[in-house]
Amino acid sequence: QVQLAESGGGLVQAGDSLRLSCAASGRTFSMYGMGWFRQAPGKEREFVAAVRWNSGLTYYTDTVKGRFTISKDTAKNTVYLQMNSLKPEDTARYYCAAAVGGLMDYRRTFSYTDWGQGNQVTVAS
């Protein structure tokens, strides 16, 4: 099991930037990847970005490409989500997730074994 501690959410204006952090502890040696998902009120949790832990390959949903960047610090077992040019439609609770033992489909919630508590990101217009 991996424990995830998130930080960095908040209230910003449209066009501003935020950086989310997620520090992993526990069975981090078994992690195959980490991802960020978000969930707005009344909507399903959706994929935002993911990174494969060994190769560093990154993936993004189309709506954030060019604005968001996922990165990792392997020594700190931490993943970051740099969010630039934020839009009101980015408003959601953002969740960090870890995949232990494998990462089948990085876009799907079932591919991840452990989840953070979530951080609210609110973008005002």
Protein backbone atom coordinates (compact mmCIF):
# COMPACT_ATOMS: atom_id res chain seq x y z
CA GLN A 1 0.00 0.00 0.00
CA VAL A 2 1.07 3.54 -0.77
CA GLN A 3 0.04 6.58 1.23
CA LEU A 4 -0.40 9.82 -0.67
CA ALA A 5 -0.27 13.33 0.79
CA GLU A 6 -1.45 16.11 -1.49
CA SER A 7 -1.00 19.85 -1.24
CA GLY A 8 -1.29 22.99 -3.33
CA GLY A 9 -4.94 23.61 -4.16
CA GLY A 10 -6.74 26.92 -3.76
CA LEU A 11 -8.77 29.72 -5.29
CA VAL A 12 -7.31 31.56 -8.27
CA GLN A 13 -8.42 33.82 -11.10
CA ALA A 14 -8.75 32.67 -14.69
CA GLY A 15 -5.35 32.74 -16.37
CA ASP A 16 -3.45 32.15 -13.13
CA SER A 17 -1.24 29.18 -12.28
CA LEU A 18 -1.19 26.62 -9.48
CA ARG A 19 1.06 23.69 -8.66
CA LEU A 20 -0.22 20.58 -6.96
CA SER A 21 2.12 18.22 -5.15
CA CYS A 22 1.64 14.62 -4.09
CA ALA A 23 4.16 12.86 -1.87
CA ALA A 24 4.08 9.07 -1.73
CA SER A 25 5.20 6.87 1.14
CA GLY A 26 5.02 3.17 1.91
CA ARG A 27 5.46 0.63 -0.91
CA THR A 28 6.82 3.20 -3.33
CA PHE A 29 9.32 0.68 -4.73
CA SER A 30 6.34 -1.12 -6.30
CA MET A 31 4.90 1.93 -8.03
CA TYR A 32 4.52 1.73 -11.79
CA GLY A 33 3.02 5.16 -12.24
CA MET A 34 1.17 8.05 -10.73
CA GLY A 35 -1.69 10.07 -12.04
CA TRP A 36 -3.92 13.05 -11.44
CA PHE A 37 -7.67 12.92 -11.74
CA ARG A 38 -10.33 15.52 -11.04
CA GLN A 39 -13.97 15.51 -10.14
CA ALA A 40 -16.40 18.39 -10.42
CA PRO A 41 -19.72 18.40 -8.54
CA GLY A 42 -22.24 16.11 -10.20
CA LYS A 43 -19.66 14.67 -12.60
CA GLU A 44 -17.61 11.53 -12.76
CA ARG A 45 -13.96 11.49 -11.81
CA GLU A 46 -11.92 12.11 -14.96
CA PHE A 47 -8.34 11.55 -15.98
CA VAL A 48 -6.06 14.60 -16.17
CA ALA A 49 -2.45 13.44 -16.45
CA ALA A 50 -0.20 10.50 -15.64
CA VAL A 51 3.47 9.58 -15.57
CA ARG A 52 5.11 6.16 -15.73
CA TRP A 53 7.52 5.92 -12.84
CA ASN A 54 10.49 4.21 -14.50
CA SER A 55 10.38 5.59 -18.04
CA GLY A 56 9.03 9.04 -17.22
CA LEU A 57 6.55 8.86 -20.09
CA THR A 58 3.74 11.35 -19.59
CA TYR A 59 0.14 11.43 -20.74
CA TYR A 60 -2.52 14.13 -20.74
CA THR A 61 -6.17 14.51 -21.47
CA ASP A 62 -6.75 16.73 -24.48
CA THR A 63 -8.34 19.58 -22.54
CA VAL A 64 -5.17 20.26 -20.53
CA LYS A 65 -2.47 19.63 -23.14
CA GLY A 66 -0.21 22.63 -23.46
CA ARG A 67 -1.42 24.10 -20.15
CA PHE A 68 -0.69 21.41 -17.53
CA THR A 69 2.58 19.60 -16.93
CA ILE A 70 3.05 16.49 -14.82
CA SER A 71 6.50 15.83 -13.44
CA LYS A 72 8.12 13.63 -10.82
CA ASP A 73 10.96 13.72 -8.36
CA THR A 74 11.93 10.11 -7.96
CA ALA A 75 14.24 10.77 -5.02
CA LYS A 76 11.37 12.38 -3.11
CA ASN A 77 8.69 9.99 -4.42
CA THR A 78 6.71 13.06 -5.33
CA VAL A 79 4.66 13.94 -8.37
CA TYR A 80 3.67 17.46 -9.36
CA LEU A 81 0.99 18.97 -11.54
CA GLN A 82 1.85 22.43 -12.80
CA MET A 83 -1.33 24.08 -14.02
CA ASN A 84 -1.02 27.21 -16.15
CA SER A 85 -3.61 29.33 -17.93
CA LEU A 86 -6.31 28.00 -15.65
CA LYS A 87 -9.90 28.23 -16.80
CA PRO A 88 -13.16 28.17 -14.81
CA GLU A 89 -13.88 24.74 -16.30
CA ASP A 90 -10.77 23.43 -14.53
CA THR A 91 -12.59 23.92 -11.23
CA ALA A 92 -12.76 20.54 -9.47
CA ARG A 93 -11.38 18.48 -6.66
CA TYR A 94 -8.06 17.07 -7.83
CA TYR A 95 -6.92 13.63 -6.72
CA CYS A 96 -3.50 12.06 -6.87
CA ALA A 97 -3.31 8.31 -7.48
CA ALA A 98 -0.61 5.65 -7.45
CA ALA A 99 -0.47 2.41 -9.40
CA VAL A 100 1.24 -0.40 -7.51
CA GLY A 101 2.12 -3.64 -9.27
CA GLY A 102 1.31 -2.41 -12.77
CA LEU A 103 -0.33 0.31 -14.81
CA MET A 104 -2.71 -1.13 -17.36
CA ASP A 105 -4.69 1.85 -18.67
CA TYR A 106 -3.47 5.14 -17.25
CA ARG A 107 -6.77 6.84 -18.13
CA ARG A 108 -8.91 4.61 -15.95
CA THR A 109 -9.46 4.90 -12.22
CA PHE A 110 -9.39 1.10 -11.81
CA SER A 111 -5.73 1.09 -12.87
CA TYR A 112 -4.72 2.83 -9.65
CA THR A 113 -4.47 1.14 -6.27
CA ASP A 114 -4.11 4.08 -3.90
CA TRP A 115 -5.61 7.56 -3.78
CA GLY A 116 -4.95 10.84 -2.03
CA GLN A 117 -7.57 12.81 -0.14
CA GLY A 118 -8.04 15.36 -2.90
CA ASN A 119 -7.47 19.08 -3.06
CA GLN A 120 -9.97 21.67 -4.24
CA VAL A 121 -9.00 23.90 -7.13
CA THR A 122 -11.39 26.76 -7.85
CA VAL A 123 -10.88 29.07 -10.82
CA ALA A 124 -12.91 32.26 -10.76
CA SER A 125 -13.82 33.99 -14.02
